[in-house]
Amino acid sequence: MSNARVPTEHATQNNGKGSAQATLERSTDQDLSTVAPVELAPAVVLVIDDDRAVRHTIRRIFEETQLEILTAESAEEGLKVASQRHPDVILLDVMLP
């Protein structure tokens, strides 16, 4: 990993003799080589549509991505899946019966 550095801010407050004074110092001394990488879970997308072809097409569009695609064919099923899996995004057919 490179020795990249990011700016950091340090705030200090001096309350001497009844006065309040704030000082903000900016420094680039934080070494990023010691920061552990963060593993993120794939985003979850729920597709709710009564048309099987639409659900299939959307799944195919996103199959090469890191997204997890869930599908439901009715509003009731969609609510059940959403309450169990808590998707990040819901694509909804606004004309569901």
N, C-alpha and C. Protein backbone atom coordinates (compact mmCIF):
# COMPACT_ATOMS: atom_id res chain seq x y z
N MET A 1 0.84 -1.17 0.00
CA MET A 1 0.00 0.00 0.00
C MET A 1 0.89 1.24 0.00
N SER A 2 0.47 2.30 -0.62
CA SER A 2 1.27 3.52 -0.71
C SER A 2 1.27 4.24 0.63
N ASN A 3 2.17 5.18 0.72
CA ASN A 3 2.24 6.00 1.93
C ASN A 3 1.40 7.26 1.76
N ALA A 4 0.19 7.10 1.29
CA ALA A 4 -0.70 8.24 1.08
C ALA A 4 -1.05 8.88 2.41
N ARG A 5 -1.23 10.17 2.37
CA ARG A 5 -1.58 10.90 3.60
C ARG A 5 -2.84 11.71 3.34
N VAL A 6 -3.64 11.81 4.37
CA VAL A 6 -4.86 12.60 4.26
C VAL A 6 -4.83 13.72 5.28
N PRO A 7 -5.47 14.86 4.94
CA PRO A 7 -5.51 15.95 5.91
C PRO A 7 -6.34 15.55 7.12
N THR A 8 -5.90 15.92 8.28
CA THR A 8 -6.67 15.72 9.50
C THR A 8 -6.78 17.06 10.20
N GLU A 9 -7.84 17.24 10.94
CA GLU A 9 -8.06 18.49 11.65
C GLU A 9 -8.03 18.23 13.14
N HIS A 10 -7.41 19.12 13.87
CA HIS A 10 -7.34 19.04 15.32
C HIS A 10 -7.91 20.33 15.87
N ALA A 11 -8.92 20.24 16.69
CA ALA A 11 -9.52 21.42 17.29
C ALA A 11 -9.10 21.51 18.75
N THR A 12 -8.71 22.68 19.15
CA THR A 12 -8.38 22.92 20.55
C THR A 12 -9.16 24.13 21.01
N GLN A 13 -9.45 24.17 22.28
CA GLN A 13 -10.20 25.29 22.82
C GLN A 13 -9.46 25.83 24.03
N ASN A 14 -9.31 27.15 24.09
CA ASN A 14 -8.62 27.80 25.19
C ASN A 14 -9.63 28.65 25.94
N ASN A 15 -9.94 28.28 27.16
CA ASN A 15 -10.93 29.01 27.94
C ASN A 15 -10.27 29.81 29.06
N GLY A 16 -9.15 30.45 28.80
CA GLY A 16 -8.45 31.20 29.83
C GLY A 16 -9.09 32.54 30.11
N LYS A 17 -9.24 32.90 31.38
CA LYS A 17 -9.72 34.21 31.84
C LYS A 17 -11.07 34.59 31.24
N GLY A 18 -11.99 33.65 31.17
CA GLY A 18 -13.35 33.95 30.74
C GLY A 18 -13.55 34.12 29.25
N SER A 19 -12.52 33.95 28.47
CA SER A 19 -12.68 34.09 27.03
C SER A 19 -12.67 32.72 26.37
N ALA A 20 -13.42 32.58 25.32
CA ALA A 20 -13.44 31.33 24.57
C ALA A 20 -12.72 31.57 23.25
N GLN A 21 -11.80 30.70 22.96
CA GLN A 21 -11.02 30.85 21.73
C GLN A 21 -10.86 29.46 21.13
N ALA A 22 -11.14 29.31 19.87
CA ALA A 22 -11.01 28.02 19.20
C ALA A 22 -9.91 28.11 18.16
N THR A 23 -9.10 27.09 18.09
CA THR A 23 -8.03 27.03 17.11
C THR A 23 -8.20 25.74 16.32
N LEU A 24 -8.09 25.83 15.02
CA LEU A 24 -8.18 24.65 14.16
C LEU A 24 -6.86 24.49 13.44
N GLU A 25 -6.24 23.36 13.69
CA GLU A 25 -4.97 23.07 13.03
C GLU A 25 -5.20 22.00 11.96
N ARG A 26 -4.58 22.17 10.84
CA ARG A 26 -4.71 21.21 9.75
C ARG A 26 -3.36 20.58 9.52
N SER A 27 -3.36 19.27 9.43
CA SER A 27 -2.10 18.56 9.26
C SER A 27 -2.28 17.43 8.26
N THR A 28 -1.20 17.00 7.63
CA THR A 28 -1.24 15.88 6.69
C THR A 28 -0.35 14.76 7.19
N ASP A 29 -0.37 14.54 8.50
CA ASP A 29 0.53 13.55 9.09
C ASP A 29 -0.08 12.17 9.27
N GLN A 30 -1.33 11.96 8.92
CA GLN A 30 -1.94 10.64 9.10
C GLN A 30 -1.55 9.73 7.95
N ASP A 31 -0.91 8.63 8.25
CA ASP A 31 -0.44 7.67 7.26
C ASP A 31 -1.54 6.66 6.97
N LEU A 32 -1.98 6.59 5.71
CA LEU A 32 -3.06 5.68 5.34
C LEU A 32 -2.63 4.22 5.25
N SER A 33 -1.34 3.95 5.25
CA SER A 33 -0.90 2.55 5.13
C SER A 33 -1.27 1.75 6.37
N THR A 34 -1.65 2.40 7.44
CA THR A 34 -2.04 1.68 8.65
C THR A 34 -3.55 1.50 8.77
N VAL A 35 -4.31 2.03 7.82
CA VAL A 35 -5.76 1.94 7.86
C VAL A 35 -6.20 0.65 7.18
N ALA A 36 -7.00 -0.16 7.89
CA ALA A 36 -7.47 -1.43 7.35
C ALA A 36 -8.55 -1.18 6.29
N PRO A 37 -8.54 -1.95 5.20
CA PRO A 37 -9.58 -1.79 4.20
C PRO A 37 -10.94 -2.24 4.76
N VAL A 38 -11.99 -1.63 4.27
CA VAL A 38 -13.34 -1.94 4.72
C VAL A 38 -14.00 -2.83 3.68
N GLU A 39 -14.52 -3.95 4.12
CA GLU A 39 -15.26 -4.85 3.24
C GLU A 39 -16.73 -4.47 3.29
N LEU A 40 -17.30 -4.11 2.16
CA LEU A 40 -18.71 -3.74 2.10
C LEU A 40 -19.52 -4.88 1.51
N ALA A 41 -20.68 -5.12 2.09
CA ALA A 41 -21.58 -6.13 1.54
C ALA A 41 -22.19 -5.57 0.26
N PRO A 42 -22.51 -6.46 -0.68
CA PRO A 42 -23.13 -5.96 -1.91
C PRO A 42 -24.49 -5.33 -1.61
N ALA A 43 -24.82 -4.30 -2.36
CA ALA A 43 -26.13 -3.66 -2.21
C ALA A 43 -27.21 -4.65 -2.62
N VAL A 44 -28.34 -4.57 -1.94
CA VAL A 44 -29.46 -5.48 -2.20
C VAL A 44 -30.56 -4.68 -2.90
N VAL A 45 -31.01 -5.19 -4.05
CA VAL A 45 -32.06 -4.55 -4.83
C VAL A 45 -33.26 -5.50 -4.88
N LEU A 46 -34.43 -5.00 -4.53
CA LEU A 46 -35.66 -5.78 -4.61
C LEU A 46 -36.48 -5.28 -5.79
N VAL A 47 -36.82 -6.18 -6.69
CA VAL A 47 -37.64 -5.85 -7.86
C VAL A 47 -39.02 -6.45 -7.63
N ILE A 48 -40.04 -5.60 -7.58
CA ILE A 48 -41.42 -6.06 -7.39
C ILE A 48 -42.20 -5.74 -8.65
N ASP A 49 -42.57 -6.78 -9.37
CA ASP A 49 -43.31 -6.60 -10.62
C ASP A 49 -44.08 -7.88 -10.90
N ASP A 50 -45.33 -7.74 -11.35
CA ASP A 50 -46.14 -8.92 -11.65
C ASP A 50 -45.81 -9.52 -13.01
N ASP A 51 -45.02 -8.83 -13.80
CA ASP A 51 -44.62 -9.31 -15.12
C ASP A 51 -43.30 -10.08 -15.00
N ARG A 52 -43.36 -11.37 -15.23
CA ARG A 52 -42.17 -12.23 -15.10
C ARG A 52 -41.04 -11.78 -16.02
N ALA A 53 -41.38 -11.35 -17.23
CA ALA A 53 -40.37 -10.92 -18.20
C ALA A 53 -39.61 -9.69 -17.69
N VAL A 54 -40.31 -8.77 -17.03
CA VAL A 54 -39.66 -7.57 -16.48
C VAL A 54 -38.70 -7.98 -15.37
N ARG A 55 -39.15 -8.84 -14.46
CA ARG A 55 -38.28 -9.30 -13.37
C ARG A 55 -37.04 -9.98 -13.94
N HIS A 56 -37.23 -10.82 -14.93
CA HIS A 56 -36.12 -11.55 -15.55
C HIS A 56 -35.15 -10.59 -16.24
N THR A 57 -35.68 -9.61 -16.97
CA THR A 57 -34.85 -8.65 -17.69
C THR A 57 -34.00 -7.82 -16.73
N ILE A 58 -34.61 -7.36 -15.66
CA ILE A 58 -33.86 -6.55 -14.69
C ILE A 58 -32.77 -7.40 -14.03
N ARG A 59 -33.09 -8.65 -13.71
CA ARG A 59 -32.08 -9.54 -13.13
C ARG A 59 -30.92 -9.72 -14.11
N ARG A 60 -31.21 -9.92 -15.39
CA ARG A 60 -30.16 -10.11 -16.40
C ARG A 60 -29.31 -8.85 -16.58
N ILE A 61 -29.92 -7.69 -16.53
CA ILE A 61 -29.18 -6.44 -16.67
C ILE A 61 -28.12 -6.32 -15.59
N PHE A 62 -28.46 -6.72 -14.38
CA PHE A 62 -27.56 -6.53 -13.25
C PHE A 62 -26.76 -7.77 -12.86
N GLU A 63 -26.84 -8.85 -13.63
CA GLU A 63 -26.16 -10.09 -13.23
C GLU A 63 -24.64 -9.99 -13.22
N GLU A 64 -24.06 -9.09 -13.96
CA GLU A 64 -22.61 -8.92 -13.99
C GLU A 64 -22.10 -7.95 -12.92
N THR A 65 -22.99 -7.43 -12.10
CA THR A 65 -22.60 -6.47 -11.07
C THR A 65 -22.44 -7.18 -9.73
N GLN A 66 -22.06 -6.43 -8.74
CA GLN A 66 -21.93 -6.96 -7.39
C GLN A 66 -23.25 -6.85 -6.62
N LEU A 67 -24.32 -6.42 -7.29
CA LEU A 67 -25.61 -6.26 -6.63
C LEU A 67 -26.26 -7.60 -6.37
N GLU A 68 -26.96 -7.71 -5.25
CA GLU A 68 -27.78 -8.88 -4.99
C GLU A 68 -29.21 -8.52 -5.39
N ILE A 69 -29.78 -9.25 -6.35
CA ILE A 69 -31.11 -8.93 -6.86
C ILE A 69 -32.12 -9.91 -6.28
N LEU A 70 -33.15 -9.37 -5.62
CA LEU A 70 -34.26 -10.16 -5.11
C LEU A 70 -35.48 -9.80 -5.94
N THR A 71 -36.39 -10.75 -6.11
CA THR A 71 -37.59 -10.46 -6.89
C THR A 71 -38.84 -10.91 -6.13
N ALA A 72 -39.93 -10.25 -6.44
CA ALA A 72 -41.25 -10.60 -5.91
C ALA A 72 -42.26 -10.31 -7.00
N GLU A 73 -43.31 -11.15 -7.08
CA GLU A 73 -44.29 -10.98 -8.15
C GLU A 73 -45.57 -10.31 -7.70
N SER A 74 -45.67 -9.96 -6.44
CA SER A 74 -46.86 -9.25 -5.95
C SER A 74 -46.45 -8.28 -4.85
N ALA A 75 -47.36 -7.34 -4.57
CA ALA A 75 -47.09 -6.38 -3.51
C ALA A 75 -46.96 -7.08 -2.17
N GLU A 76 -47.81 -8.06 -1.92
CA GLU A 76 -47.76 -8.80 -0.65
C GLU A 76 -46.43 -9.53 -0.49
N GLU A 77 -46.00 -10.20 -1.55
CA GLU A 77 -44.71 -10.90 -1.51
C GLU A 77 -43.57 -9.90 -1.36
N GLY A 78 -43.67 -8.77 -2.04
CA GLY A 78 -42.65 -7.74 -1.94
C GLY A 78 -42.52 -7.20 -0.52
N LEU A 79 -43.65 -6.98 0.15
CA LEU A 79 -43.61 -6.50 1.54
C LEU A 79 -42.95 -7.54 2.45
N LYS A 80 -43.26 -8.80 2.21
CA LYS A 80 -42.67 -9.86 3.03
C LYS A 80 -41.15 -9.91 2.84
N VAL A 81 -40.71 -9.88 1.58
CA VAL A 81 -39.27 -9.93 1.28
C VAL A 81 -38.58 -8.68 1.85
N ALA A 82 -39.21 -7.52 1.68
CA ALA A 82 -38.61 -6.27 2.17
C ALA A 82 -38.46 -6.28 3.69
N SER A 83 -39.44 -6.81 4.39
CA SER A 83 -39.36 -6.83 5.85
C SER A 83 -38.32 -7.84 6.35
N GLN A 84 -38.07 -8.88 5.56
CA GLN A 84 -37.08 -9.89 5.96
C GLN A 84 -35.66 -9.49 5.58
N ARG A 85 -35.48 -8.89 4.41
CA ARG A 85 -34.13 -8.66 3.88
C ARG A 85 -33.67 -7.20 3.93
N HIS A 86 -34.56 -6.26 4.13
CA HIS A 86 -34.22 -4.83 4.22
C HIS A 86 -33.35 -4.38 3.04
N PRO A 87 -33.91 -4.41 1.82
CA PRO A 87 -33.11 -4.04 0.64
C PRO A 87 -32.70 -2.58 0.67
N ASP A 88 -31.61 -2.28 -0.04
CA ASP A 88 -31.12 -0.92 -0.16
C ASP A 88 -31.96 -0.12 -1.15
N VAL A 89 -32.49 -0.80 -2.17
CA VAL A 89 -33.28 -0.17 -3.22
C VAL A 89 -34.45 -1.08 -3.57
N ILE A 90 -35.60 -0.48 -3.83
CA ILE A 90 -36.76 -1.23 -4.30
C ILE A 90 -37.20 -0.64 -5.63
N LEU A 91 -37.24 -1.50 -6.66
CA LEU A 91 -37.80 -1.12 -7.97
C LEU A 91 -39.21 -1.68 -7.99
N LEU A 92 -40.19 -0.79 -8.13
CA LEU A 92 -41.60 -1.18 -7.95
C LEU A 92 -42.41 -0.83 -9.16
N ASP A 93 -43.20 -1.79 -9.62
CA ASP A 93 -44.19 -1.55 -10.67
C ASP A 93 -45.33 -0.78 -10.04
N VAL A 94 -45.51 0.47 -10.44
CA VAL A 94 -46.54 1.30 -9.81
C VAL A 94 -47.95 0.91 -10.23
N MET A 95 -48.07 0.03 -11.22
CA MET A 95 -49.38 -0.41 -11.69
C MET A 95 -49.71 -1.83 -11.23
N LEU A 96 -49.14 -2.26 -10.11
CA LEU A 96 -49.42 -3.61 -9.61
C LEU A 96 -50.91 -3.75 -9.32
N PRO A 97 -51.46 -4.93 -9.64
CA PRO A 97 -52.89 -5.15 -9.32
C PRO A 97 -53.12 -5.26 -7.82
